[in-house]
Protein backbone atom coordinates (compact mmCIF):
# COMPACT_ATOMS: atom_id res chain seq x y z
CA UNK A 1 -49.09 4.96 -27.41
CA UNK A 2 -45.84 2.82 -28.45
CA UNK A 3 -43.81 5.73 -27.34
CA UNK A 4 -45.80 6.07 -23.68
CA UNK A 5 -45.09 1.98 -23.34
CA UNK A 6 -41.12 2.68 -23.73
CA UNK A 7 -40.96 6.02 -21.74
CA UNK A 8 -42.79 3.63 -18.97
CA UNK A 9 -40.01 0.95 -19.56
CA UNK A 10 -37.27 3.60 -19.04
CA UNK A 11 -38.61 4.85 -16.29
CA UNK A 12 -38.33 1.60 -14.12
CA UNK A 13 -35.48 0.39 -15.29
CA UNK A 14 -33.64 4.27 -14.08
CA UNK A 15 -35.19 2.63 -10.95
CA UNK A 16 -33.84 -0.58 -10.99
CA UNK A 17 -30.32 0.93 -12.11
CA UNK A 18 -30.50 3.33 -9.18
CA UNK A 19 -31.51 0.87 -6.54
CA UNK A 20 -28.39 -2.07 -7.97
CA UNK A 21 -26.15 1.28 -7.34
CA UNK A 22 -27.42 1.65 -4.45
CA UNK A 23 -27.76 -2.01 -3.19
CA UNK A 24 -23.80 -2.53 -4.78
CA UNK A 25 -21.13 -3.54 -2.05
CA UNK A 26 -18.77 -0.88 -1.67
CA UNK A 27 -15.18 -1.80 -1.92
CA UNK A 28 -12.60 -3.06 1.04
CA UNK A 29 -11.30 -0.43 2.60
CA UNK A 30 -7.23 0.19 1.50
CA UNK A 31 -4.28 -0.13 3.85
CA UNK A 32 -4.60 1.09 7.71
CA UNK A 33 -2.37 3.52 8.54
CA UNK A 34 -0.97 3.71 12.30
CA UNK A 35 1.49 1.89 14.17
CA UNK A 36 1.84 -2.07 13.88
CA UNK A 37 3.72 -2.34 17.58
CA UNK A 38 2.98 -0.60 20.51
CA UNK A 39 3.60 -1.11 24.61
CA UNK A 40 0.75 -2.10 26.53
CA UNK A 41 -1.69 0.24 27.64
CA UNK A 42 -1.05 3.25 25.02
CA UNK A 43 -3.91 6.01 24.53
CA UNK A 44 -4.46 8.26 22.09
CA UNK A 45 -3.34 6.47 19.36
CA UNK A 46 -4.53 7.33 16.11
CA UNK A 47 -5.62 4.51 12.71
CA UNK A 48 -6.54 6.18 9.24
CA UNK A 49 -7.48 4.59 6.08
CA UNK A 50 -8.58 6.81 2.71
CA UNK A 51 -12.46 7.29 1.33
CA UNK A 52 -13.39 4.58 0.06
CA UNK A 53 -15.77 5.50 -2.98
CA UNK A 54 -19.24 4.61 -2.48
CA UNK A 55 -19.15 3.89 1.13
CA UNK A 56 -21.04 6.46 3.80
CA UNK A 57 -19.75 4.79 7.02
CA UNK A 58 -17.10 2.84 8.40
CA UNK A 59 -17.32 0.36 10.99
CA UNK A 60 -14.24 -0.18 12.98
CA UNK A 61 -13.21 -3.37 15.41
CA UNK A 62 -10.25 -3.33 17.68
CA UNK A 63 -9.05 -5.87 19.95
CA UNK A 64 -10.19 -7.22 23.41
CA UNK A 65 -9.57 -4.52 26.41
CA UNK A 66 -9.06 -1.31 24.06
CA UNK A 67 -11.40 0.99 23.29
CA UNK A 68 -12.40 3.61 20.52
CA UNK A 69 -12.57 7.24 21.94
CA UNK A 70 -13.64 8.74 19.01
CA UNK A 71 -14.05 8.47 15.27
CA UNK A 72 -15.88 5.33 15.00
CA UNK A 73 -17.91 5.51 11.38
CA UNK A 74 -15.48 7.86 9.90
CA UNK A 75 -12.43 7.33 8.32
CA UNK A 76 -9.81 7.37 11.53
CA UNK A 77 -10.56 6.49 15.09
CA UNK A 78 -8.46 6.96 18.03
CA UNK A 79 -8.02 3.99 20.37
CA UNK A 80 -6.92 3.61 24.27
CA UNK A 81 -5.41 0.25 24.50
CA UNK A 82 -5.81 -2.45 27.05
CA UNK A 83 -3.50 -5.20 27.20
CA UNK A 84 -4.45 -7.40 24.68
CA UNK A 85 -2.47 -7.65 20.91
CA UNK A 86 -4.96 -8.66 18.37
CA UNK A 87 -6.50 -7.43 15.00
CA UNK A 88 -8.16 -3.63 14.16
CA UNK A 89 -10.89 -4.55 11.65
CA UNK A 90 -12.36 -1.99 9.26
CA UNK A 91 -15.38 -2.48 6.30
CA UNK A 92 -16.47 0.00 4.36
CA UNK A 93 -20.60 0.37 4.62
CA UNK A 94 -23.54 2.16 2.59
CA UNK A 95 -26.90 2.18 3.42
CA UNK A 96 -27.44 -1.76 2.72
CA UNK A 97 -24.27 -3.17 1.70
CA UNK A 98 -21.24 -4.50 4.30
CA UNK A 99 -17.83 -4.60 2.40
CA UNK A 100 -15.42 -7.18 3.49
CA UNK A 101 -12.64 -6.38 6.13
CA UNK A 102 -9.34 -5.07 5.69
CA UNK A 103 -7.08 -5.22 8.92
CA UNK A 104 -3.97 -4.75 10.31
CA UNK A 105 -1.85 -6.46 13.19
CA UNK A 106 -1.35 -5.16 16.35
CA UNK A 107 1.25 -6.82 18.74
CA UNK A 108 1.91 -4.79 21.96
CA UNK A 109 6.03 -4.94 23.59
CA UNK A 110 8.44 -5.53 21.04
CA UNK A 111 8.69 -1.98 20.31
CA UNK A 112 12.49 -1.40 18.34
CA UNK A 113 15.03 -0.71 20.85
CA UNK A 114 12.49 0.11 23.14
CA UNK A 115 11.65 -0.95 26.94
CA UNK A 116 7.91 -1.81 27.74
CA UNK A 117 5.80 -2.94 31.05
CA UNK A 118 3.54 -5.25 30.96
CA UNK A 119 1.53 -6.68 33.33
CA UNK A 120 2.77 -7.17 36.95
CA UNK A 121 3.91 -11.30 37.93
CA UNK A 122 0.73 -11.98 39.28
CA UNK A 123 1.66 -14.24 42.33
CA UNK A 124 2.99 -10.91 43.64
CA UNK A 125 6.58 -9.69 44.50
CA UNK A 126 9.37 -12.52 44.29
CA UNK A 127 13.48 -12.68 43.56
CA UNK A 128 16.17 -14.87 43.11
CA UNK A 129 13.49 -17.44 40.83
CA UNK A 130 13.88 -19.10 37.56
CA UNK A 131 12.45 -18.04 34.30
CA UNK A 132 12.87 -19.28 30.56
CA UNK A 133 10.66 -19.78 27.69
CA UNK A 134 9.10 -22.86 25.42
CA UNK A 135 7.66 -21.88 22.17
CA UNK A 136 5.57 -18.84 21.85
CA UNK A 137 4.91 -18.54 25.94
CA UNK A 138 7.58 -17.32 28.78
CA UNK A 139 7.92 -19.40 32.18
CA UNK A 140 8.44 -18.32 35.86
CA UNK A 141 8.60 -20.19 39.20
CA UNK A 142 10.52 -20.72 42.16
CA UNK A 143 11.94 -18.13 43.67
CA UNK A 144 11.28 -16.17 47.40
CA UNK A 145 10.39 -12.56 48.90
CA UNK A 146 11.39 -10.35 51.04
CA UNK A 147 9.24 -11.86 53.81
CA UNK A 148 11.33 -14.83 53.70
CA UNK A 149 8.34 -17.45 52.25
CA UNK A 150 10.30 -19.94 49.84
CA UNK A 151 7.92 -21.07 46.60
CA UNK A 152 7.57 -24.39 44.39
CA UNK A 153 4.69 -22.19 41.90
CA UNK A 154 4.67 -22.11 38.22
CA UNK A 155 3.42 -19.82 35.70
CA UNK A 156 2.66 -19.16 32.03
CA UNK A 157 3.37 -15.71 30.38
CA UNK A 158 1.36 -15.93 27.63
CA UNK A 159 2.82 -12.46 25.67
CA UNK A 160 0.10 -12.20 23.01
CA UNK A 161 -2.79 -12.12 25.67
CA UNK A 162 0.21 -10.32 28.44
CA UNK A 163 -1.68 -12.80 30.84
CA UNK A 164 0.09 -15.28 33.55
CA UNK A 165 -1.57 -18.47 34.02
CA UNK A 166 -0.48 -20.81 36.73
CA UNK A 167 0.07 -24.01 36.04
CA UNK A 168 0.86 -27.51 38.17
CA UNK A 169 3.48 -26.07 41.27
CA UNK A 170 7.24 -27.34 40.70
CA UNK A 171 6.65 -31.00 42.51
CA UNK A 172 10.22 -30.45 44.13
CA UNK A 173 10.91 -28.83 47.61
CA UNK A 174 10.22 -24.83 47.75
CA UNK A 175 13.71 -23.23 46.63
CA UNK A 176 15.14 -20.20 45.07
CA UNK A 177 18.53 -19.92 43.59
CA UNK A 178 17.83 -23.03 41.06
CA UNK A 179 18.79 -23.21 37.22
CA UNK A 180 16.07 -23.24 34.76
CA UNK A 181 16.60 -23.32 30.85
CA UNK A 182 14.38 -25.46 28.12
CA UNK A 183 15.36 -28.18 25.48
CA UNK A 184 13.37 -28.08 22.45
CA UNK A 185 9.42 -28.41 23.77
CA UNK A 186 10.02 -29.00 27.57
CA UNK A 187 11.86 -26.77 30.73
CA UNK A 188 13.96 -28.36 33.05
CA UNK A 189 14.80 -27.31 36.89
CA UNK A 190 17.13 -28.70 39.14
CA UNK A 191 19.48 -27.28 42.15
CA UNK A 192 19.06 -24.42 44.70
CA UNK A 193 18.75 -24.04 47.82
CA UNK A 194 16.22 -22.76 50.80
CA UNK A 195 18.13 -21.61 53.70
CA UNK A 196 18.55 -24.67 54.89
CA UNK A 197 18.23 -27.10 52.47
CA UNK A 198 20.82 -27.89 49.14
CA UNK A 199 19.59 -29.68 46.88
CA UNK A 200 21.05 -31.64 43.66
CA UNK A 201 17.46 -32.60 41.81
CA UNK A 202 16.32 -32.03 38.33
CA UNK A 203 13.10 -32.06 37.03
CA UNK A 204 11.68 -31.89 33.28
CA UNK A 205 8.13 -29.96 32.53
CA UNK A 206 6.08 -31.05 29.18
CA UNK A 207 3.82 -27.37 29.07
CA UNK A 208 1.13 -29.73 26.64
CA UNK A 209 0.48 -32.21 29.70
CA UNK A 210 1.17 -29.56 32.39
CA UNK A 211 3.28 -32.42 34.21
CA UNK A 212 6.51 -32.45 35.77
CA UNK A 213 8.92 -35.42 35.62
CA UNK A 214 11.99 -36.03 37.91
CA UNK A 215 15.33 -36.96 35.55
CA UNK A 216 18.41 -38.05 36.45
CA UNK A 217 20.01 -36.53 39.90
CA UNK A 218 23.02 -33.74 38.47
CA UNK A 219 26.03 -35.44 39.84
CA UNK A 220 28.17 -32.75 40.69
CA UNK A 221 26.59 -32.13 43.74
CA UNK A 222 24.06 -30.17 45.89
CA UNK A 223 24.44 -26.63 45.23
CA UNK A 224 23.13 -22.61 44.63
CA UNK A 225 23.66 -19.76 42.40
CA UNK A 226 25.03 -21.89 38.98
CA UNK A 227 24.68 -20.67 35.70
CA UNK A 228 22.89 -22.82 33.16
CA UNK A 229 21.64 -22.67 29.58
CA UNK A 230 21.00 -24.67 26.84
CA UNK A 231 22.73 -25.36 23.29
CA UNK A 232 20.21 -27.35 20.44
CA UNK A 233 19.43 -30.81 22.21
CA UNK A 234 21.43 -30.30 24.88
CA UNK A 235 21.63 -28.54 28.58
CA UNK A 236 24.78 -27.20 30.89
CA UNK A 237 25.15 -26.56 34.11
CA UNK A 238 28.18 -25.24 35.89
CA UNK A 239 29.63 -24.09 38.83
CA UNK A 240 27.73 -21.75 41.45
CA UNK A 241 27.80 -22.78 45.17
CA UNK A 242 28.11 -25.38 47.62
CA UNK A 243 27.12 -25.61 50.78
CA UNK A 244 30.74 -25.03 52.41
CA UNK A 245 30.62 -21.82 50.58
CA UNK A 246 33.39 -23.15 47.84
CA UNK A 247 32.60 -22.86 44.79
CA UNK A 248 33.19 -25.75 41.79
CA UNK A 249 35.13 -25.43 38.95
CA UNK A 250 33.09 -28.05 36.72
CA UNK A 251 30.57 -28.01 34.05
CA UNK A 252 27.93 -30.88 33.07
CA UNK A 253 26.24 -31.31 30.34
CA UNK A 254 22.92 -33.03 30.40
CA UNK A 255 21.35 -35.27 27.39
CA UNK A 256 17.66 -35.74 28.08
CA UNK A 257 17.18 -38.41 25.07
CA UNK A 258 19.30 -40.51 27.33
CA UNK A 259 18.46 -38.88 30.78
CA UNK A 260 22.63 -38.99 31.48
CA UNK A 261 25.19 -36.42 32.93
CA UNK A 262 28.76 -35.56 31.28
CA UNK A 263 31.03 -33.84 32.76
CA UNK A 264 32.37 -31.18 30.05
CA UNK A 265 35.53 -28.89 30.32
CA UNK A 266 35.73 -26.38 32.86
CA UNK A 267 36.15 -23.19 32.61
CA UNK A 268 35.51 -20.74 35.92
CA UNK A 269 34.92 -20.30 39.44
CA UNK A 270 31.74 -18.41 39.88
CA UNK A 271 28.47 -18.00 41.09
CA UNK A 272 25.55 -15.27 39.83
CA UNK A 273 27.03 -15.28 36.70
CA UNK A 274 25.26 -14.58 33.44
CA UNK A 275 24.76 -17.64 30.73
CA UNK A 276 22.98 -17.70 27.33
CA UNK A 277 23.18 -19.41 24.39
CA UNK A 278 23.90 -17.89 20.64
CA UNK A 279 22.37 -20.41 18.12
CA UNK A 280 25.14 -23.32 18.22
CA UNK A 281 27.53 -21.46 21.29
CA UNK A 282 27.21 -21.05 25.05
CA UNK A 283 28.58 -17.60 26.82
CA UNK A 284 29.33 -17.44 30.66
CA UNK A 285 30.27 -14.05 32.19
CA UNK A 286 29.81 -11.76 34.92
CA UNK A 287 28.68 -13.18 38.44
CA UNK A 288 31.39 -13.40 41.34
CA UNK A 289 34.49 -15.26 41.91
CA UNK A 290 36.70 -16.58 44.94
CA UNK A 291 39.04 -13.89 44.84
CA UNK A 292 36.83 -11.47 43.16
CA UNK A 293 33.73 -9.80 43.95
CA UNK A 294 32.60 -8.76 40.95
CA UNK A 295 33.82 -9.70 37.36
CA UNK A 296 32.99 -8.63 34.02
CA UNK A 297 34.90 -11.54 32.40
CA UNK A 298 32.93 -13.18 29.05
CA UNK A 299 33.31 -16.59 27.29
CA UNK A 300 31.95 -18.34 24.68
CA UNK A 301 31.70 -22.53 24.61
CA UNK A 302 31.97 -24.55 21.78
CA UNK A 303 30.27 -27.98 22.49
CA UNK A 304 31.99 -30.03 19.57
CA UNK A 305 35.13 -28.90 20.46
CA UNK A 306 34.26 -28.72 24.00
CA UNK A 307 36.47 -25.63 24.23
CA UNK A 308 36.01 -22.63 25.78
CA UNK A 309 37.50 -19.26 24.96
CA UNK A 310 37.85 -15.86 26.36
CA UNK A 311 35.90 -12.79 24.17
CA UNK A 312 35.65 -9.51 24.58
CA UNK A 313 35.04 -8.03 28.31
CA UNK A 314 31.62 -6.86 29.13
CA UNK A 315 31.89 -3.01 28.70
CA UNK A 316 30.12 -2.15 31.47
CA UNK A 317 30.70 -1.90 35.24
CA UNK A 318 32.03 -5.00 37.03
CA UNK A 319 28.64 -7.12 38.77
CA UNK A 320 27.11 -10.20 39.19
CA UNK A 321 23.56 -11.33 39.35
CA UNK A 322 22.79 -9.48 35.98
CA UNK A 323 20.14 -11.03 33.60
CA UNK A 324 20.53 -12.11 29.88
CA UNK A 325 19.00 -13.29 26.89
CA UNK A 326 19.73 -13.96 23.71
CA UNK A 327 17.25 -12.75 20.30
CA UNK A 328 18.68 -14.16 16.91
CA UNK A 329 22.53 -13.79 16.59
CA UNK A 330 22.92 -11.69 19.50
CA UNK A 331 22.99 -11.75 23.38
CA UNK A 332 22.13 -9.33 25.92
CA UNK A 333 22.61 -8.71 29.48
CA UNK A 334 20.97 -6.13 31.64
CA UNK A 335 21.28 -4.65 35.46
CA UNK A 336 22.98 -6.48 38.32
CA UNK A 337 24.65 -5.46 41.39
CA UNK A 338 28.64 -4.75 42.41
CA UNK A 339 27.83 -5.01 46.02
CA UNK A 340 27.95 -0.90 46.26
CA UNK A 341 25.57 -0.38 43.22
CA UNK A 342 22.61 -1.40 41.69
CA UNK A 343 22.88 -0.85 37.84
CA UNK A 344 20.04 -0.94 34.66
CA UNK A 345 22.51 -0.37 31.79
CA UNK A 346 21.88 -2.93 28.87
CA UNK A 347 24.14 -3.86 26.34
CA UNK A 348 24.41 -5.92 23.22
CA UNK A 349 27.36 -8.65 22.61
CA UNK A 350 27.66 -9.71 18.69
CA UNK A 351 29.31 -12.97 18.39
CA UNK A 352 30.35 -12.08 14.78
CA UNK A 353 32.47 -9.40 15.56
CA UNK A 354 33.04 -10.16 19.35
CA UNK A 355 31.70 -6.58 20.38
CA UNK A 356 29.39 -4.91 22.88
CA UNK A 357 27.41 -2.02 22.03
CA UNK A 358 25.31 -0.55 24.77
CA UNK A 359 21.74 -0.25 24.08
CA UNK A 360 18.98 1.81 25.71
CA UNK A 361 18.91 1.53 29.63
CA UNK A 362 16.42 -0.35 31.34
CA UNK A 363 13.18 1.48 31.98
CA UNK A 364 12.39 -0.48 35.67
CA UNK A 365 14.02 0.12 38.80
CA UNK A 366 17.71 -1.28 38.55
CA UNK A 367 17.95 -4.92 40.14
CA UNK A 368 19.82 -7.84 40.58
CA UNK A 369 18.36 -11.98 40.60
CA UNK A 370 15.61 -11.00 38.15
CA UNK A 371 14.96 -13.46 35.15
CA UNK A 372 15.19 -12.83 31.92
CA UNK A 373 13.79 -14.75 29.04
CA UNK A 374 13.24 -14.39 25.00
CA UNK A 375 10.71 -15.62 22.91
CA UNK A 376 10.64 -14.59 19.18
CA UNK A 377 12.24 -11.34 18.20
CA UNK A 378 11.50 -9.97 21.97
CA UNK A 379 13.28 -10.25 25.86
CA UNK A 380 11.79 -10.15 28.93
CA UNK A 381 13.46 -8.72 32.14
CA UNK A 382 11.46 -8.85 35.38
CA UNK A 383 11.03 -9.33 38.81
CA UNK A 384 14.16 -9.64 40.99
CA UNK A 385 15.29 -7.27 44.81
CA UNK A 386 17.26 -3.81 44.76
CA UNK A 387 19.61 -4.78 47.15
CA UNK A 388 22.64 -7.13 47.42
CA UNK A 389 21.40 -8.78 50.83
CA UNK A 390 18.00 -8.32 50.20
CA UNK A 391 16.50 -5.05 49.35
CA UNK A 392 13.00 -4.84 48.38
CA UNK A 393 11.75 -7.46 45.89
CA UNK A 394 9.74 -6.62 42.77
CA UNK A 395 7.12 -8.04 40.83
CA UNK A 396 7.38 -6.05 37.63
CA UNK A 397 7.89 -7.45 33.82
CA UNK A 398 9.38 -5.84 31.26
CA UNK A 399 9.26 -6.35 26.81
CA UNK A 400 12.73 -4.83 25.00
CA UNK A 401 11.90 -5.06 21.25
CA UNK A 402 14.92 -6.17 19.31
């Protein structure tokens, strides 16, 4: 009787242990292997994990607008990507329990030394517009197209979603060939032309409030094709072309704290030049001058000393209407015209060594008057046109990963 009772108890103990083993939560999956940075719209991309003890099924979740084409339930899946960055999750499962997830973060665009095409500029083709970044977003506005329309619309680009969103219109007159840059968390737009009138007004954009505020008029006079950039907490505008077709040799500093302009040391008379900043220095190069249709000189501005210093010339062909941006401690110049040829070559400038290095050519069509800016470790270029005297305006938009 005692022996039978022990057998009875042992039998139920075994059943209990089996049930407990069956219901045990499987371990969290290990490292997910696969590309972390890729171009939007890539297809057939594989992600995988090592098998997990006690798991008989693997549940994968992918970012919105992506599709698992094969492998759901297994240790390896194949994904066709859409336009969105995000997280890929995987959980290990048995018949009753599911583990916490393991994940990998995916960013689209920003593939090292590679150009990726992003979503087209939503309103359509546009050239001679302004572009700059504030924080993790990019902004594009104003400009013209090949049907001679002038614009004052204003758009925000979100690289995480690869998406354009319309914001409050620029309140000044519709125009092209304006200047735009950002200082801290605000954007600034001014000057420009609309085929009839030249402008000297200047406006501040607050992305948090999605509002514009008119600021002090640019004191250098009405003009188009000026260069501009910001250094730390100040903005700078110089040269360009006035309505009498003269190229002023002036350079001005804007202080957003006082809403005041101060004239600084000028360097060259130039229209259609490239301007950007790296750290606490500004850089200016290329463009056309009263003496030459296309230039390749390159200059550094020190705001503390108010001094311009000639640096190593741009190594590509002389040109104007190129685009530029900076990423970290390096500067970049891409595309442009020389009156006969449209360019798509791409160069990196290192201010520490004062040297240039040619990088992979821009993947889109050769062009000029495109917008350019950087967000984090990525550079962006888009829009523009295919010829010096009009040509075809464009709406494509591209990202470069450092």
